[in-house]
N, C-alpha and C. Protein backbone atom coordinates (compact mmCIF):
# COMPACT_ATOMS: atom_id res chain seq x y z
N MET A 1 0.83 -1.19 0.00
CA MET A 1 0.00 0.00 0.00
C MET A 1 0.87 1.24 0.00
N ALA A 2 1.99 1.24 0.70
CA ALA A 2 2.84 2.42 0.78
C ALA A 2 3.76 2.47 -0.43
N ASN A 3 4.06 3.70 -0.87
CA ASN A 3 5.06 3.90 -1.91
C ASN A 3 5.81 5.17 -1.60
N GLU A 4 6.76 5.53 -2.46
CA GLU A 4 7.60 6.69 -2.15
C GLU A 4 6.85 8.02 -2.20
N ASN A 5 5.65 8.06 -2.79
CA ASN A 5 4.86 9.31 -2.84
C ASN A 5 4.02 9.51 -1.59
N ASP A 6 3.96 8.50 -0.73
CA ASP A 6 3.17 8.61 0.49
C ASP A 6 3.96 9.36 1.55
N SER A 7 3.24 10.11 2.36
CA SER A 7 3.84 10.84 3.48
C SER A 7 3.00 10.58 4.71
N TRP A 8 3.61 10.78 5.86
CA TRP A 8 2.87 10.71 7.11
C TRP A 8 2.42 12.12 7.44
N ALA A 9 1.16 12.27 7.87
CA ALA A 9 0.63 13.60 8.10
C ALA A 9 -0.44 13.58 9.19
N VAL A 10 -0.65 14.77 9.74
CA VAL A 10 -1.79 15.04 10.60
C VAL A 10 -2.68 15.98 9.79
N VAL A 11 -3.93 15.58 9.58
CA VAL A 11 -4.83 16.33 8.71
C VAL A 11 -5.99 16.85 9.53
N ASP A 12 -6.21 18.16 9.46
CA ASP A 12 -7.36 18.78 10.12
C ASP A 12 -8.42 19.01 9.05
N LEU A 13 -9.61 18.47 9.30
CA LEU A 13 -10.72 18.60 8.37
C LEU A 13 -11.75 19.55 8.95
N MET A 14 -12.55 20.14 8.08
CA MET A 14 -13.65 20.99 8.54
C MET A 14 -14.54 20.15 9.44
N GLY A 15 -15.11 20.78 10.43
CA GLY A 15 -15.94 20.06 11.37
C GLY A 15 -15.17 19.61 12.59
N HIS A 16 -13.99 20.19 12.81
CA HIS A 16 -13.17 19.91 13.99
C HIS A 16 -12.79 18.44 14.09
N VAL A 17 -12.39 17.86 12.97
CA VAL A 17 -11.95 16.47 12.93
C VAL A 17 -10.47 16.46 12.60
N THR A 18 -9.69 15.74 13.38
CA THR A 18 -8.27 15.57 13.11
C THR A 18 -8.00 14.09 12.93
N ILE A 19 -7.37 13.75 11.81
CA ILE A 19 -6.98 12.37 11.57
C ILE A 19 -5.49 12.35 11.24
N ALA A 20 -4.86 11.23 11.47
CA ALA A 20 -3.42 11.14 11.24
C ALA A 20 -3.09 9.77 10.69
N GLY A 21 -2.12 9.76 9.79
CA GLY A 21 -1.67 8.49 9.24
C GLY A 21 -0.86 8.71 7.98
N ARG A 22 -0.82 7.67 7.17
CA ARG A 22 -0.09 7.71 5.91
C ARG A 22 -1.03 8.25 4.85
N ILE A 23 -0.66 9.38 4.27
CA ILE A 23 -1.55 10.09 3.35
C ILE A 23 -1.10 9.89 1.91
N THR A 24 -2.06 9.70 1.02
CA THR A 24 -1.80 9.56 -0.40
C THR A 24 -2.49 10.71 -1.11
N LYS A 25 -1.75 11.36 -2.00
CA LYS A 25 -2.30 12.51 -2.72
C LYS A 25 -3.46 12.07 -3.61
N PRO A 26 -4.35 13.03 -3.97
CA PRO A 26 -5.49 12.68 -4.81
C PRO A 26 -5.02 12.09 -6.13
N GLY A 27 -5.83 11.26 -6.65
CA GLY A 27 -5.47 10.67 -7.93
C GLY A 27 -6.47 9.63 -8.35
N GLU A 28 -6.17 8.41 -8.00
CA GLU A 28 -6.90 7.29 -8.54
C GLU A 28 -8.36 7.21 -8.08
N TYR A 29 -8.74 7.87 -7.00
CA TYR A 29 -10.11 7.78 -6.50
C TYR A 29 -10.90 9.06 -6.76
N GLY A 30 -10.77 9.62 -7.95
CA GLY A 30 -11.58 10.78 -8.34
C GLY A 30 -11.26 12.02 -7.55
N GLY A 31 -10.00 12.24 -7.22
CA GLY A 31 -9.61 13.44 -6.52
C GLY A 31 -9.73 13.36 -5.01
N LEU A 32 -10.07 12.19 -4.49
CA LEU A 32 -10.16 12.04 -3.04
C LEU A 32 -8.78 11.74 -2.48
N TRP A 33 -8.50 12.32 -1.32
CA TRP A 33 -7.28 11.99 -0.59
C TRP A 33 -7.54 10.69 0.16
N GLN A 34 -6.51 9.91 0.32
CA GLN A 34 -6.61 8.66 1.07
C GLN A 34 -5.66 8.76 2.26
N ILE A 35 -6.17 8.39 3.42
CA ILE A 35 -5.29 8.33 4.58
C ILE A 35 -5.46 6.97 5.23
N ASP A 36 -4.34 6.31 5.44
CA ASP A 36 -4.32 5.01 6.10
C ASP A 36 -3.95 5.27 7.56
N ILE A 37 -4.93 5.09 8.42
CA ILE A 37 -4.78 5.42 9.84
C ILE A 37 -4.31 4.19 10.60
N PRO A 38 -3.17 4.29 11.31
CA PRO A 38 -2.69 3.14 12.07
C PRO A 38 -3.73 2.69 13.09
N ASP A 39 -3.96 1.38 13.11
CA ASP A 39 -4.92 0.80 14.03
C ASP A 39 -4.30 -0.48 14.57
N GLY A 40 -3.45 -0.34 15.57
CA GLY A 40 -2.69 -1.49 16.07
C GLY A 40 -1.62 -1.88 15.06
N ASP A 41 -1.64 -3.15 14.65
CA ASP A 41 -0.67 -3.63 13.66
C ASP A 41 -1.15 -3.45 12.23
N SER A 42 -2.36 -2.96 12.04
CA SER A 42 -2.90 -2.80 10.69
C SER A 42 -3.29 -1.33 10.48
N PHE A 43 -4.01 -1.08 9.41
CA PHE A 43 -4.48 0.27 9.09
C PHE A 43 -5.96 0.21 8.76
N ARG A 44 -6.63 1.30 9.00
CA ARG A 44 -7.99 1.48 8.46
C ARG A 44 -7.89 2.66 7.51
N THR A 45 -8.58 2.59 6.39
CA THR A 45 -8.45 3.59 5.35
C THR A 45 -9.68 4.49 5.32
N GLU A 46 -9.42 5.79 5.21
CA GLU A 46 -10.50 6.77 5.05
C GLU A 46 -10.17 7.64 3.85
N PHE A 47 -11.21 8.13 3.18
CA PHE A 47 -11.06 9.02 2.04
C PHE A 47 -11.74 10.34 2.37
N PHE A 48 -11.21 11.44 1.87
CA PHE A 48 -11.84 12.74 2.08
C PHE A 48 -11.53 13.64 0.90
N GLY A 49 -12.44 14.58 0.65
CA GLY A 49 -12.29 15.50 -0.47
C GLY A 49 -11.40 16.67 -0.12
N SER A 50 -10.78 17.24 -1.12
CA SER A 50 -9.89 18.39 -0.92
C SER A 50 -10.61 19.57 -0.28
N GLN A 51 -11.90 19.74 -0.58
CA GLN A 51 -12.65 20.88 -0.05
C GLN A 51 -12.81 20.82 1.46
N SER A 52 -12.69 19.63 2.03
CA SER A 52 -12.89 19.51 3.47
C SER A 52 -11.60 19.71 4.26
N VAL A 53 -10.48 19.89 3.58
CA VAL A 53 -9.20 20.00 4.27
C VAL A 53 -8.99 21.42 4.77
N TYR A 54 -8.72 21.53 6.05
CA TYR A 54 -8.39 22.82 6.65
C TYR A 54 -6.88 22.99 6.72
N ARG A 55 -6.17 21.89 7.08
CA ARG A 55 -4.73 21.97 7.22
C ARG A 55 -4.13 20.57 7.10
N VAL A 56 -2.96 20.49 6.47
CA VAL A 56 -2.20 19.25 6.39
C VAL A 56 -0.82 19.54 6.96
N ARG A 57 -0.43 18.78 7.98
CA ARG A 57 0.90 18.93 8.56
C ARG A 57 1.68 17.65 8.29
N ILE A 58 2.74 17.75 7.50
CA ILE A 58 3.59 16.60 7.24
C ILE A 58 4.45 16.38 8.48
N VAL A 59 4.39 15.16 9.01
CA VAL A 59 5.09 14.83 10.25
C VAL A 59 5.79 13.48 10.09
N SER A 60 6.53 13.09 11.09
CA SER A 60 7.18 11.78 11.07
C SER A 60 6.14 10.69 11.34
N GLU A 61 6.49 9.47 11.01
CA GLU A 61 5.60 8.34 11.28
C GLU A 61 5.29 8.25 12.77
N GLU A 62 6.28 8.47 13.61
CA GLU A 62 6.09 8.38 15.06
C GLU A 62 5.04 9.39 15.54
N ILE A 63 5.12 10.62 15.05
CA ILE A 63 4.16 11.65 15.47
C ILE A 63 2.77 11.31 14.95
N ALA A 64 2.68 10.88 13.69
CA ALA A 64 1.37 10.53 13.13
C ALA A 64 0.73 9.38 13.91
N ARG A 65 1.53 8.38 14.26
CA ARG A 65 0.99 7.26 15.03
C ARG A 65 0.51 7.72 16.41
N ALA A 66 1.23 8.65 17.01
CA ALA A 66 0.81 9.18 18.32
C ALA A 66 -0.52 9.92 18.21
N TYR A 67 -0.68 10.72 17.14
CA TYR A 67 -1.95 11.43 16.93
C TYR A 67 -3.09 10.47 16.65
N ALA A 68 -2.79 9.35 16.01
CA ALA A 68 -3.84 8.41 15.61
C ALA A 68 -4.42 7.63 16.78
N LYS A 69 -3.68 7.57 17.89
CA LYS A 69 -4.18 6.85 19.07
C LYS A 69 -5.38 7.60 19.65
N PRO A 70 -6.38 6.88 20.13
CA PRO A 70 -7.52 7.57 20.74
C PRO A 70 -7.09 8.38 21.95
N ALA A 71 -7.63 9.56 22.10
CA ALA A 71 -7.29 10.44 23.22
C ALA A 71 -7.92 9.93 24.52
N HIS A 72 -8.95 9.13 24.40
CA HIS A 72 -9.61 8.61 25.58
C HIS A 72 -10.28 7.29 25.22
N ASP A 73 -10.61 6.53 26.24
CA ASP A 73 -11.30 5.27 26.01
C ASP A 73 -12.71 5.55 25.53
N VAL A 74 -13.20 4.66 24.70
CA VAL A 74 -14.59 4.77 24.24
C VAL A 74 -15.48 4.23 25.35
N VAL A 75 -16.46 5.02 25.73
CA VAL A 75 -17.37 4.62 26.78
C VAL A 75 -18.70 4.23 26.15
N ALA A 76 -19.13 3.04 26.45
CA ALA A 76 -20.41 2.60 25.91
C ALA A 76 -21.53 3.36 26.62
N TYR A 77 -22.43 3.92 25.85
CA TYR A 77 -23.56 4.65 26.43
C TYR A 77 -24.82 3.90 26.06
N ASP A 78 -25.51 3.46 27.06
CA ASP A 78 -26.72 2.68 26.84
C ASP A 78 -27.89 3.49 27.37
N ALA A 79 -28.41 4.36 26.52
CA ALA A 79 -29.52 5.20 26.93
C ALA A 79 -30.76 4.33 27.12
N PRO A 80 -31.46 4.55 28.22
CA PRO A 80 -32.66 3.75 28.42
C PRO A 80 -33.72 4.11 27.37
N ILE A 81 -34.31 3.10 26.82
CA ILE A 81 -35.37 3.33 25.82
C ILE A 81 -36.69 3.13 26.53
N ILE A 82 -37.55 4.12 26.42
CA ILE A 82 -38.86 4.01 27.06
C ILE A 82 -39.92 4.00 25.98
N THR A 83 -41.04 3.43 26.32
CA THR A 83 -42.14 3.38 25.37
C THR A 83 -42.83 4.73 25.32
N ARG A 84 -43.62 4.94 24.30
CA ARG A 84 -44.37 6.20 24.17
C ARG A 84 -45.31 6.36 25.37
N GLU A 85 -45.92 5.26 25.80
CA GLU A 85 -46.83 5.32 26.95
C GLU A 85 -46.09 5.77 28.22
N GLU A 86 -44.89 5.22 28.45
CA GLU A 86 -44.10 5.63 29.60
C GLU A 86 -43.73 7.12 29.51
N HIS A 87 -43.38 7.56 28.30
CA HIS A 87 -43.05 8.98 28.10
C HIS A 87 -44.26 9.86 28.40
N LEU A 88 -45.42 9.49 27.86
CA LEU A 88 -46.63 10.29 28.10
C LEU A 88 -47.00 10.32 29.58
N ASN A 89 -46.85 9.19 30.26
CA ASN A 89 -47.13 9.15 31.70
C ASN A 89 -46.17 10.06 32.48
N ALA A 90 -44.89 10.02 32.11
CA ALA A 90 -43.90 10.87 32.79
C ALA A 90 -44.22 12.34 32.54
N MET A 91 -44.61 12.68 31.31
CA MET A 91 -44.96 14.08 31.00
C MET A 91 -46.20 14.51 31.79
N GLU A 92 -47.16 13.63 31.93
CA GLU A 92 -48.38 13.97 32.69
C GLU A 92 -48.03 14.20 34.16
N ARG A 93 -47.17 13.35 34.73
CA ARG A 93 -46.73 13.55 36.12
C ARG A 93 -46.01 14.88 36.27
N ALA A 94 -45.18 15.23 35.29
CA ALA A 94 -44.44 16.50 35.33
C ALA A 94 -45.41 17.68 35.25
N ARG A 95 -46.42 17.57 34.38
CA ARG A 95 -47.42 18.66 34.28
C ARG A 95 -48.20 18.81 35.58
N SER A 96 -48.57 17.68 36.19
CA SER A 96 -49.31 17.72 37.46
C SER A 96 -48.47 18.37 38.55
N GLU A 97 -47.20 17.98 38.62
CA GLU A 97 -46.31 18.55 39.63
C GLU A 97 -46.12 20.05 39.39
N TYR A 98 -45.99 20.44 38.12
CA TYR A 98 -45.85 21.86 37.78
C TYR A 98 -47.10 22.63 38.22
N SER A 99 -48.26 22.08 37.94
CA SER A 99 -49.51 22.74 38.33
C SER A 99 -49.60 22.87 39.85
N ARG A 100 -49.24 21.80 40.56
CA ARG A 100 -49.29 21.83 42.02
C ARG A 100 -48.35 22.90 42.57
N LEU A 101 -47.12 22.95 42.03
CA LEU A 101 -46.16 23.94 42.51
C LEU A 101 -46.58 25.37 42.14
N SER A 102 -47.18 25.54 40.97
CA SER A 102 -47.67 26.87 40.58
C SER A 102 -48.76 27.34 41.53
N LEU A 103 -49.68 26.46 41.88
CA LEU A 103 -50.76 26.80 42.82
C LEU A 103 -50.19 27.12 44.19
N GLU A 104 -49.23 26.31 44.65
CA GLU A 104 -48.59 26.55 45.95
C GLU A 104 -47.85 27.90 45.93
N ASN A 105 -47.17 28.18 44.86
CA ASN A 105 -46.46 29.45 44.72
C ASN A 105 -47.43 30.63 44.77
N GLU A 106 -48.54 30.52 44.06
CA GLU A 106 -49.55 31.59 44.05
C GLU A 106 -50.15 31.78 45.44
N THR A 107 -50.38 30.70 46.16
CA THR A 107 -50.93 30.77 47.52
C THR A 107 -49.95 31.50 48.44
N ILE A 108 -48.69 31.14 48.37
CA ILE A 108 -47.67 31.80 49.20
C ILE A 108 -47.55 33.27 48.84
N ARG A 109 -47.61 33.58 47.55
CA ARG A 109 -47.52 34.98 47.12
C ARG A 109 -48.69 35.79 47.68
N ARG A 110 -49.91 35.24 47.63
CA ARG A 110 -51.08 35.95 48.17
C ARG A 110 -50.93 36.19 49.68
N ARG A 111 -50.44 35.19 50.38
CA ARG A 111 -50.25 35.34 51.83
C ARG A 111 -49.23 36.41 52.15
N LEU A 112 -48.14 36.45 51.37
CA LEU A 112 -47.12 37.47 51.60
C LEU A 112 -47.65 38.86 51.33
N VAL A 113 -48.43 39.00 50.27
CA VAL A 113 -49.02 40.30 49.95
C VAL A 113 -49.97 40.73 51.08
N ALA A 114 -50.75 39.76 51.59
CA ALA A 114 -51.69 40.08 52.68
C ALA A 114 -50.92 40.50 53.93
N VAL A 115 -49.83 39.83 54.26
CA VAL A 115 -49.03 40.18 55.44
C VAL A 115 -48.43 41.57 55.25
N ASN A 116 -47.91 41.85 54.06
CA ASN A 116 -47.34 43.17 53.80
C ASN A 116 -48.40 44.27 53.92
N GLN A 117 -49.62 44.00 53.48
CA GLN A 117 -50.68 44.99 53.60
C GLN A 117 -51.04 45.21 55.06
N LEU A 118 -51.06 44.17 55.87
CA LEU A 118 -51.34 44.31 57.30
C LEU A 118 -50.27 45.17 57.97
N GLN A 119 -49.00 44.90 57.61
CA GLN A 119 -47.92 45.66 58.22
C GLN A 119 -48.00 47.13 57.82
N SER A 120 -48.31 47.42 56.57
CA SER A 120 -48.39 48.82 56.17
C SER A 120 -49.59 49.49 56.84
N GLY A 121 -50.67 48.74 57.11
CA GLY A 121 -51.81 49.28 57.84
C GLY A 121 -51.46 49.57 59.28
N LEU A 122 -50.65 48.70 59.92
CA LEU A 122 -50.20 48.93 61.28
C LEU A 122 -49.31 50.15 61.37
N ASP A 123 -48.46 50.31 60.35
CA ASP A 123 -47.57 51.49 60.32
C ASP A 123 -48.38 52.76 60.29
N LYS A 124 -49.48 52.78 59.54
CA LYS A 124 -50.32 53.98 59.46
C LYS A 124 -50.98 54.27 60.80
N GLU A 125 -51.43 53.19 61.51
CA GLU A 125 -52.08 53.37 62.80
C GLU A 125 -51.10 53.91 63.84
N GLU A 126 -49.84 53.46 63.79
CA GLU A 126 -48.85 53.90 64.75
C GLU A 126 -48.45 55.35 64.51
N GLY A 127 -48.50 55.82 63.25
CA GLY A 127 -48.00 57.12 62.88
C GLY A 127 -48.94 58.20 63.14
């Protein structure tokens, strides 16, 4: 796969993507660049168009391999899947709780206004 025209590079693509590996200039694949990204003892190949390239940095094989390593472990994310009925029930509970809290808030606000009016009435009587 490698020949004397190949170089090792770190390539920044639009969309904040950085890939690194052995890069082949456009040619045989309709103007697409080919990069062979080190993946353990083998490579995985990706192609990208010239228009998506933001920057190409020619580097040593050692540096390219270091960039190609994942920056962090992949964490499996298993989002809980709920049924539509469960979702609707949860939304109804949330609406009920919101209504209850709104009513409680309004009740407390009325009581505070009433207390403030009593105090201002007492101030007038004292004055």
